[in-house]
Protein backbone atom coordinates (compact mmCIF):
# COMPACT_ATOMS: atom_id res chain seq x y z
CA MET A 1 117.78 89.84 82.50
CA ILE A 2 117.81 87.65 85.94
CA VAL A 3 118.95 91.00 87.83
CA LEU A 4 116.39 92.83 86.43
CA LEU A 5 113.85 90.44 87.59
CA GLY A 6 115.14 90.22 90.70
CA ILE A 7 115.12 94.04 91.26
CA THR A 8 111.57 94.15 89.95
CA LEU A 9 110.37 91.32 92.26
CA ALA A 10 112.02 93.52 95.20
CA VAL A 11 110.20 96.72 94.32
CA VAL A 12 106.92 94.95 93.70
CA ILE A 13 107.39 93.36 97.34
CA LEU A 14 107.98 96.88 98.92
CA VAL A 15 105.24 98.34 97.03
CA VAL A 16 102.57 95.88 97.96
CA VAL A 17 103.60 95.40 101.60
CA THR A 18 103.52 99.65 101.73
CA TRP A 19 100.08 99.37 100.46
CA MET A 20 99.00 96.68 102.64
CA LEU A 21 100.53 98.55 106.00
CA LEU A 22 98.48 101.89 104.57
CA THR A 23 95.28 100.17 104.23
CA ARG A 24 95.83 98.37 107.64
CA ARG A 25 95.56 94.94 105.77
CA LEU A 26 98.68 93.80 107.23
CA ARG A 27 100.35 94.23 110.94
CA GLU A 28 103.61 95.87 111.31
CA LYS A 29 105.31 93.06 112.90
CA TYR A 30 104.64 90.94 109.94
CA ALA A 31 105.33 93.63 107.40
CA ALA A 32 108.98 94.23 108.97
CA LEU A 33 109.87 90.71 107.68
CA TRP A 34 108.72 91.36 104.42
CA LEU A 35 110.36 94.40 103.90
CA VAL A 36 113.67 92.64 105.36
CA ILE A 37 113.30 90.09 102.66
CA ALA A 38 112.52 92.78 99.85
CA LEU A 39 115.36 94.96 100.88
CA ALA A 40 117.73 91.60 100.66
CA VAL A 41 116.60 90.72 97.33
CA LEU A 42 116.95 94.26 96.22
CA VAL A 43 120.65 94.46 97.17
CA LEU A 44 121.12 91.07 95.83
CA GLY A 45 119.55 92.07 92.62
CA ILE A 46 121.49 95.12 92.62
CA PHE A 47 124.86 93.53 93.44
CA PRO A 48 124.78 90.12 92.30
CA GLN A 49 128.38 89.74 92.98
CA LEU A 50 127.58 89.70 96.90
CA LEU A 51 126.19 86.37 96.40
CA GLU A 52 129.35 85.01 94.93
CA THR A 53 131.40 86.46 97.77
CA LEU A 54 129.13 84.94 100.32
CA THR A 55 129.42 81.85 98.78
CA GLY A 56 133.13 81.96 99.07
CA ILE A 57 132.66 83.08 102.92
CA PHE A 58 130.64 80.22 103.89
CA GLY A 59 132.19 77.74 101.69
CA VAL A 60 129.48 76.78 99.42
CA GLN A 61 130.01 75.40 96.04
CA VAL A 62 127.36 76.76 94.19
CA PRO A 63 125.83 80.63 94.73
CA ALA A 64 122.45 78.85 93.90
CA ASN A 65 122.79 76.53 96.70
CA LEU A 66 123.67 79.18 99.50
CA LEU A 67 120.57 81.12 98.06
CA PHE A 68 118.39 77.99 98.39
CA SER A 69 119.91 77.26 101.86
CA MET A 70 119.11 80.84 103.19
CA ALA A 71 115.61 80.73 101.86
CA ILE A 72 114.99 77.40 103.42
CA VAL A 73 116.18 79.04 106.97
CA LEU A 74 113.93 81.94 106.07
CA LEU A 75 110.79 79.81 105.66
CA LEU A 76 111.80 77.80 108.64
CA GLY A 77 111.85 80.73 110.68
CA VAL A 78 108.68 82.32 109.44
CA SER A 79 106.82 78.69 109.94
CA LEU A 80 108.13 78.88 113.61
CA HIS A 81 107.11 82.26 114.16
CA LEU A 82 103.49 81.52 112.62
CA SER A 83 103.18 78.57 114.88
CA TRP A 84 104.11 80.50 117.91
CA GLU A 85 101.56 83.52 116.89
CA LEU A 86 99.11 80.66 116.52
CA SER A 87 99.84 79.04 119.79
CA GLN A 88 99.17 82.72 121.39
CA ALA A 89 96.03 83.28 119.73
CA GLU A 90 94.62 79.83 120.66
CA ASP A 91 95.51 80.58 124.00
CA GLU A 92 93.64 83.87 124.09
CA ILE A 93 90.52 82.30 122.21
CA ARG A 94 90.35 79.67 125.08
CA ARG A 95 90.51 82.25 127.64
CA ALA A 96 87.90 84.24 125.90
CA ALA A 97 85.55 81.42 125.46
CA GLU A 98 85.96 80.41 129.24
CA GLU A 99 85.36 83.88 130.68
CA VAL A 100 82.30 84.14 128.26
CA ALA A 101 80.80 80.77 129.62
CA ILE A 102 81.57 81.97 133.42
CA LEU A 103 79.54 85.37 132.30
CA ARG A 104 76.80 83.56 130.44
CA ALA A 105 76.16 81.31 133.58
CA GLN A 106 75.85 84.39 135.72
CA VAL A 107 73.51 86.11 133.62
CA GLU A 108 71.45 82.99 133.51
CA ARG A 109 71.36 82.74 137.38
CA ILE A 110 70.50 86.30 137.63
CA GLU A 111 67.59 86.21 135.32
CA ARG A 112 66.22 83.00 136.94
CA ALA A 113 66.56 84.86 140.34
CA ILE A 114 64.69 87.64 138.79
CA SER A 115 61.98 85.66 137.13
CA SER A 116 61.45 83.37 140.26
CA GLY A 117 61.26 86.84 142.18
CA LYS A 118 58.45 88.30 140.25
CA ALA A 119 56.63 84.98 140.05
CA SER A 120 56.41 84.95 143.92
CA GLY A 121 54.98 88.49 144.03
CA VAL A 122 58.29 90.09 145.04
CA GLU A 123 58.23 93.54 144.22
CA ASP A 124 61.12 95.29 142.14
CA ALA A 125 63.29 97.82 143.34
CA ASP A 126 61.36 100.38 142.02
CA GLY A 127 58.22 99.36 143.66
CA VAL A 128 56.30 97.78 141.06
CA GLY A 129 55.04 94.21 141.84
């Protein structure tokens, strides 16, 4: 029963990630991680003895402990990656806000120059005062 649940979960993840990719709700760089996770769950669901073999290789006593350890390492990796992405996005937002502030100041300076030029009777480039 648990094997069937694992296979079903992997197939659901594959279908959802594929759907989100096709509808542009998930970027490719994030989808790759989810596809790898889904395929790993699918392989472990189809070949549950593989987990026992890995348990023996790594010297872990209980297969569930290895599974939880792998999940924790995966979650730490995802957390680190998302923190890095957030830092990059914050830098880009700050840079864009600074550029907008500079452009706004330039526009206001130009608007003041135009309005003070019209108020003093200076003609515009088209000859109209």
